[in-house]
Amino acid sequence: MGQAVVLDAQPVVAYLADEPSAEEVAALLRRGARMSVVNAAEVVDVLIRGRRVAAEDAAAIVGG
């Protein structure tokens, strides 16, 4: 049985911002990596407060 990969918020933010590690994170996501609800909320928070993304857009990005 394979091991599950659970992502922290920062790699997901890096992926969304198309930072250098984005392709590695994309590969993990394609292989079924998961993220906790708490970390998803942190991604939304970083997008809103740190990256100045509108709240509705941030929620749509993470939820979609």
PDB file of N, CA and C in Angstrom:
ATOM      1  N   MET A   1       0.848  -1.181   0.000  1.00  0.00           N
ATOM      2  CA  MET A   1       0.000   0.000   0.000  1.00  0.00           C
ATOM      3  C   MET A   1       0.890   1.239   0.000  1.00  0.00           C
ATOM      4  N   GLY A   2       0.622   2.217  -0.900  1.00  0.00           N
ATOM      5  CA  GLY A   2       1.416   3.437  -0.998  1.00  0.00           C
ATOM      6  C   GLY A   2       1.109   4.401   0.129  1.00  0.00           C
ATOM      7  N   GLN A   3       2.035   5.300   0.321  1.00  0.00           N
ATOM      8  CA  GLN A   3       1.852   6.309   1.358  1.00  0.00           C
ATOM      9  C   GLN A   3       1.151   7.538   0.786  1.00  0.00           C
ATOM     10  N   ALA A   4       0.269   8.114   1.583  1.00  0.00           N
ATOM     11  CA  ALA A   4      -0.431   9.328   1.174  1.00  0.00           C
ATOM     12  C   ALA A   4       0.486  10.530   1.337  1.00  0.00           C
ATOM     13  N   VAL A   5       0.393  11.464   0.412  1.00  0.00           N
ATOM     14  CA  VAL A   5       1.143  12.711   0.503  1.00  0.00           C
ATOM     15  C   VAL A   5       0.168  13.794   0.933  1.00  0.00           C
ATOM     16  N   VAL A   6       0.507  14.486   2.017  1.00  0.00           N
ATOM     17  CA  VAL A   6      -0.321  15.569   2.530  1.00  0.00           C
ATOM     18  C   VAL A   6       0.509  16.846   2.458  1.00  0.00           C
ATOM     19  N   LEU A   7      -0.020  17.819   1.748  1.00  0.00           N
ATOM     20  CA  LEU A   7       0.714  19.065   1.533  1.00  0.00           C
ATOM     21  C   LEU A   7       0.421  20.100   2.611  1.00  0.00           C
ATOM     22  N   ASP A   8       1.449  20.843   2.968  1.00  0.00           N
ATOM     23  CA  ASP A   8       1.316  22.007   3.825  1.00  0.00           C
ATOM     24  C   ASP A   8       0.833  23.170   2.950  1.00  0.00           C
ATOM     25  N   ALA A   9       0.477  24.270   3.562  1.00  0.00           N
ATOM     26  CA  ALA A   9      -0.044  25.415   2.817  1.00  0.00           C
ATOM     27  C   ALA A   9       1.001  26.041   1.897  1.00  0.00           C
ATOM     28  N   GLN A  10       2.239  26.178   2.353  1.00  0.00           N
ATOM     29  CA  GLN A  10       3.234  26.911   1.576  1.00  0.00           C
ATOM     30  C   GLN A  10       3.508  26.312   0.194  1.00  0.00           C
ATOM     31  N   PRO A  11       3.647  25.006   0.047  1.00  0.00           N
ATOM     32  CA  PRO A  11       3.834  24.481  -1.308  1.00  0.00           C
ATOM     33  C   PRO A  11       2.657  24.783  -2.233  1.00  0.00           C
ATOM     34  N   VAL A  12       1.461  24.800  -1.699  1.00  0.00           N
ATOM     35  CA  VAL A  12       0.288  25.100  -2.519  1.00  0.00           C
ATOM     36  C   VAL A  12       0.296  26.573  -2.931  1.00  0.00           C
ATOM     37  N   VAL A  13       0.689  27.462  -2.018  1.00  0.00           N
ATOM     38  CA  VAL A  13       0.813  28.873  -2.364  1.00  0.00           C
ATOM     39  C   VAL A  13       1.883  29.036  -3.449  1.00  0.00           C
ATOM     40  N   ALA A  14       2.988  28.331  -3.307  1.00  0.00           N
ATOM     41  CA  ALA A  14       4.053  28.388  -4.320  1.00  0.00           C
ATOM     42  C   ALA A  14       3.541  27.907  -5.671  1.00  0.00           C
ATOM     43  N   TYR A  15       2.752  26.865  -5.669  1.00  0.00           N
ATOM     44  CA  TYR A  15       2.154  26.347  -6.904  1.00  0.00           C
ATOM     45  C   TYR A  15       1.240  27.393  -7.542  1.00  0.00           C
ATOM     46  N   LEU A  16       0.373  27.989  -6.735  1.00  0.00           N
ATOM     47  CA  LEU A  16      -0.574  28.980  -7.253  1.00  0.00           C
ATOM     48  C   LEU A  16       0.125  30.236  -7.759  1.00  0.00           C
ATOM     49  N   ALA A  17       1.276  30.555  -7.164  1.00  0.00           N
ATOM     50  CA  ALA A  17       2.035  31.746  -7.555  1.00  0.00           C
ATOM     51  C   ALA A  17       3.042  31.446  -8.665  1.00  0.00           C
ATOM     52  N   ASP A  18       3.038  30.212  -9.143  1.00  0.00           N
ATOM     53  CA  ASP A  18       3.951  29.776 -10.205  1.00  0.00           C
ATOM     54  C   ASP A  18       5.410  30.028  -9.842  1.00  0.00           C
ATOM     55  N   GLU A  19       5.736  29.721  -8.591  1.00  0.00           N
ATOM     56  CA  GLU A  19       7.113  29.832  -8.123  1.00  0.00           C
ATOM     57  C   GLU A  19       7.923  28.647  -8.635  1.00  0.00           C
ATOM     58  N   PRO A  20       9.250  28.663  -8.473  1.00  0.00           N
ATOM     59  CA  PRO A  20      10.092  27.605  -9.046  1.00  0.00           C
ATOM     60  C   PRO A  20       9.677  26.176  -8.691  1.00  0.00           C
ATOM     61  N   SER A  21       9.096  25.963  -7.532  1.00  0.00           N
ATOM     62  CA  SER A  21       8.701  24.610  -7.133  1.00  0.00           C
ATOM     63  C   SER A  21       7.316  24.213  -7.650  1.00  0.00           C
ATOM     64  N   ALA A  22       6.683  25.072  -8.421  1.00  0.00           N
ATOM     65  CA  ALA A  22       5.298  24.835  -8.860  1.00  0.00           C
ATOM     66  C   ALA A  22       5.128  23.512  -9.597  1.00  0.00           C
ATOM     67  N   GLU A  23       6.069  23.154 -10.453  1.00  0.00           N
ATOM     68  CA  GLU A  23       5.932  21.918 -11.220  1.00  0.00           C
ATOM     69  C   GLU A  23       6.021  20.688 -10.318  1.00  0.00           C
ATOM     70  N   GLU A  24       6.879  20.737  -9.303  1.00  0.00           N
ATOM     71  CA  GLU A  24       6.968  19.612  -8.355  1.00  0.00           C
ATOM     72  C   GLU A  24       5.649  19.439  -7.602  1.00  0.00           C
ATOM     73  N   VAL A  25       5.070  20.545  -7.170  1.00  0.00           N
ATOM     74  CA  VAL A  25       3.796  20.490  -6.451  1.00  0.00           C
ATOM     75  C   VAL A  25       2.696  20.004  -7.394  1.00  0.00           C
ATOM     76  N   ALA A  26       2.706  20.481  -8.625  1.00  0.00           N
ATOM     77  CA  ALA A  26       1.716  20.030  -9.610  1.00  0.00           C
ATOM     78  C   ALA A  26       1.792  18.517  -9.806  1.00  0.00           C
ATOM     79  N   ALA A  27       3.007  17.988  -9.857  1.00  0.00           N
ATOM     80  CA  ALA A  27       3.177  16.536 -10.011  1.00  0.00           C
ATOM     81  C   ALA A  27       2.599  15.798  -8.810  1.00  0.00           C
ATOM     82  N   LEU A  28       2.810  16.325  -7.611  1.00  0.00           N
ATOM     83  CA  LEU A  28       2.238  15.700  -6.414  1.00  0.00           C
ATOM     84  C   LEU A  28       0.711  15.737  -6.459  1.00  0.00           C
ATOM     85  N   LEU A  29       0.164  16.858  -6.890  1.00  0.00           N
ATOM     86  CA  LEU A  29      -1.292  16.978  -6.988  1.00  0.00           C
ATOM     87  C   LEU A  29      -1.861  16.005  -8.019  1.00  0.00           C
ATOM     88  N   ARG A  30      -1.170  15.849  -9.130  1.00  0.00           N
ATOM     89  CA  ARG A  30      -1.633  14.891 -10.149  1.00  0.00           C
ATOM     90  C   ARG A  30      -1.626  13.466  -9.618  1.00  0.00           C
ATOM     91  N   ARG A  31      -0.727  13.179  -8.680  1.00  0.00           N
ATOM     92  CA  ARG A  31      -0.650  11.834  -8.103  1.00  0.00           C
ATOM     93  C   ARG A  31      -1.568  11.673  -6.892  1.00  0.00           C
ATOM     94  N   GLY A  32      -2.404  12.666  -6.615  1.00  0.00           N
ATOM     95  CA  GLY A  32      -3.406  12.529  -5.565  1.00  0.00           C
ATOM     96  C   GLY A  32      -3.037  13.098  -4.217  1.00  0.00           C
ATOM     97  N   ALA A  33      -2.051  14.002  -4.158  1.00  0.00           N
ATOM     98  CA  ALA A  33      -1.704  14.631  -2.880  1.00  0.00           C
ATOM     99  C   ALA A  33      -2.926  15.334  -2.312  1.00  0.00           C
ATOM    100  N   ARG A  34      -2.978  15.379  -1.018  1.00  0.00           N
ATOM    101  CA  ARG A  34      -4.116  15.971  -0.311  1.00  0.00           C
ATOM    102  C   ARG A  34      -3.654  17.132   0.549  1.00  0.00           C
ATOM    103  N   MET A  35      -4.626  17.858   1.115  1.00  0.00           N
ATOM    104  CA  MET A  35      -4.333  18.945   2.031  1.00  0.00           C
ATOM    105  C   MET A  35      -5.458  19.006   3.049  1.00  0.00           C
ATOM    106  N   SER A  36      -5.107  19.308   4.295  1.00  0.00           N
ATOM    107  CA  SER A  36      -6.131  19.399   5.329  1.00  0.00           C
ATOM    108  C   SER A  36      -6.950  20.676   5.153  1.00  0.00           C
ATOM    109  N   VAL A  37      -8.110  20.698   5.756  1.00  0.00           N
ATOM    110  CA  VAL A  37      -8.966  21.873   5.716  1.00  0.00           C
ATOM    111  C   VAL A  37      -8.267  23.055   6.380  1.00  0.00           C
ATOM    112  N   VAL A  38      -7.541  22.803   7.441  1.00  0.00           N
ATOM    113  CA  VAL A  38      -6.813  23.869   8.132  1.00  0.00           C
ATOM    114  C   VAL A  38      -5.779  24.488   7.198  1.00  0.00           C
ATOM    115  N   ASN A  39      -5.046  23.661   6.464  1.00  0.00           N
ATOM    116  CA  ASN A  39      -4.058  24.186   5.531  1.00  0.00           C
ATOM    117  C   ASN A  39      -4.714  24.898   4.357  1.00  0.00           C
ATOM    118  N   ALA A  40      -5.860  24.427   3.920  1.00  0.00           N
ATOM    119  CA  ALA A  40      -6.593  25.125   2.853  1.00  0.00           C
ATOM    120  C   ALA A  40      -7.006  26.518   3.327  1.00  0.00           C
ATOM    121  N   ALA A  41      -7.440  26.621   4.576  1.00  0.00           N
ATOM    122  CA  ALA A  41      -7.799  27.922   5.136  1.00  0.00           C
ATOM    123  C   ALA A  41      -6.572  28.830   5.209  1.00  0.00           C
ATOM    124  N   GLU A  42      -5.417  28.257   5.521  1.00  0.00           N
ATOM    125  CA  GLU A  42      -4.188  29.041   5.553  1.00  0.00           C
ATOM    126  C   GLU A  42      -3.831  29.553   4.149  1.00  0.00           C
ATOM    127  N   VAL A  43      -4.035  28.739   3.135  1.00  0.00           N
ATOM    128  CA  VAL A  43      -3.781  29.176   1.761  1.00  0.00           C
ATOM    129  C   VAL A  43      -4.686  30.363   1.428  1.00  0.00           C
ATOM    130  N   VAL A  44      -5.953  30.276   1.770  1.00  0.00           N
ATOM    131  CA  VAL A  44      -6.879  31.384   1.526  1.00  0.00           C
ATOM    132  C   VAL A  44      -6.394  32.629   2.251  1.00  0.00           C
ATOM    133  N   ASP A  45      -5.979  32.484   3.496  1.00  0.00           N
ATOM    134  CA  ASP A  45      -5.488  33.616   4.285  1.00  0.00           C
ATOM    135  C   ASP A  45      -4.261  34.251   3.628  1.00  0.00           C
ATOM    136  N   VAL A  46      -3.312  33.439   3.191  1.00  0.00           N
ATOM    137  CA  VAL A  46      -2.101  33.963   2.543  1.00  0.00           C
ATOM    138  C   VAL A  46      -2.466  34.681   1.250  1.00  0.00           C
ATOM    139  N   LEU A  47      -3.378  34.111   0.484  1.00  0.00           N
ATOM    140  CA  LEU A  47      -3.787  34.759  -0.755  1.00  0.00           C
ATOM    141  C   LEU A  47      -4.438  36.112  -0.501  1.00  0.00           C
ATOM    142  N   ILE A  48      -5.274  36.178   0.529  1.00  0.00           N
ATOM    143  CA  ILE A  48      -5.990  37.421   0.825  1.00  0.00           C
ATOM    144  C   ILE A  48      -5.065  38.459   1.453  1.00  0.00           C
ATOM    145  N   ARG A  49      -4.404  38.080   2.531  1.00  0.00           N
ATOM    146  CA  ARG A  49      -3.622  39.068   3.274  1.00  0.00           C
ATOM    147  C   ARG A  49      -2.222  39.281   2.717  1.00  0.00           C
ATOM    148  N   GLY A  50      -1.622  38.229   2.211  1.00  0.00           N
ATOM    149  CA  GLY A  50      -0.254  38.347   1.733  1.00  0.00           C
ATOM    150  C   GLY A  50      -0.135  38.683   0.262  1.00  0.00           C
ATOM    151  N   ARG A  51      -1.058  38.147  -0.534  1.00  0.00           N
ATOM    152  CA  ARG A  51      -0.980  38.344  -1.986  1.00  0.00           C
ATOM    153  C   ARG A  51      -2.040  39.305  -2.511  1.00  0.00           C
ATOM    154  N   ARG A  52      -2.887  39.815  -1.597  1.00  0.00           N
ATOM    155  CA  ARG A  52      -3.916  40.805  -1.943  1.00  0.00           C
ATOM    156  C   ARG A  52      -4.923  40.326  -2.994  1.00  0.00           C
ATOM    157  N   VAL A  53      -5.266  39.048  -2.915  1.00  0.00           N
ATOM    158  CA  VAL A  53      -6.295  38.480  -3.786  1.00  0.00           C
ATOM    159  C   VAL A  53      -7.649  38.727  -3.110  1.00  0.00           C
ATOM    160  N   ALA A  54      -8.664  39.070  -3.867  1.00  0.00           N
ATOM    161  CA  ALA A  54      -9.995  39.280  -3.306  1.00  0.00           C
ATOM    162  C   ALA A  54     -10.471  37.989  -2.625  1.00  0.00           C
ATOM    163  N   ALA A  55     -11.186  38.151  -1.517  1.00  0.00           N
ATOM    164  CA  ALA A  55     -11.627  37.011  -0.713  1.00  0.00           C
ATOM    165  C   ALA A  55     -12.418  36.004  -1.545  1.00  0.00           C
ATOM    166  N   GLU A  56     -13.327  36.488  -2.373  1.00  0.00           N
ATOM    167  CA  GLU A  56     -14.130  35.586  -3.189  1.00  0.00           C
ATOM    168  C   GLU A  56     -13.261  34.817  -4.187  1.00  0.00           C
ATOM    169  N   ASP A  57     -12.284  35.504  -4.749  1.00  0.00           N
ATOM    170  CA  ASP A  57     -11.376  34.852  -5.704  1.00  0.00           C
ATOM    171  C   ASP A  57     -10.509  33.807  -5.013  1.00  0.00           C
ATOM    172  N   ALA A  58     -10.004  34.146  -3.830  1.00  0.00           N
ATOM    173  CA  ALA A  58      -9.167  33.207  -3.081  1.00  0.00           C
ATOM    174  C   ALA A  58      -9.942  31.949  -2.726  1.00  0.00           C
ATOM    175  N   ALA A  59     -11.172  32.122  -2.273  1.00  0.00           N
ATOM    176  CA  ALA A  59     -12.000  30.960  -1.934  1.00  0.00           C
ATOM    177  C   ALA A  59     -12.283  30.105  -3.170  1.00  0.00           C
ATOM    178  N   ALA A  60     -12.538  30.757  -4.302  1.00  0.00           N
ATOM    179  CA  ALA A  60     -12.793  30.018  -5.541  1.00  0.00           C
ATOM    180  C   ALA A  60     -11.556  29.265  -6.005  1.00  0.00           C
ATOM    181  N   ILE A  61     -10.388  29.876  -5.863  1.00  0.00           N
ATOM    182  CA  ILE A  61      -9.138  29.231  -6.266  1.00  0.00           C
ATOM    183  C   ILE A  61      -8.895  27.966  -5.457  1.00  0.00           C
ATOM    184  N   VAL A  62      -9.039  28.071  -4.158  1.00  0.00           N
ATOM    185  CA  VAL A  62      -8.777  26.927  -3.280  1.00  0.00           C
ATOM    186  C   VAL A  62      -9.881  25.894  -3.371  1.00  0.00           C
ATOM    187  N   GLY A  63     -11.111  26.331  -3.491  1.00  0.00           N
ATOM    188  CA  GLY A  63     -12.232  25.410  -3.561  1.00  0.00           C
ATOM    189  C   GLY A  63     -12.418  24.771  -4.918  1.00  0.00           C
ATOM    190  N   GLY A  64     -11.849  25.364  -5.925  1.00  0.00           N
ATOM    191  CA  GLY A  64     -12.057  24.884  -7.280  1.00  0.00           C
ATOM    192  C   GLY A  64     -10.977  24.016  -7.724  1.00  0.00           C
TER     193      GLY A  64
END
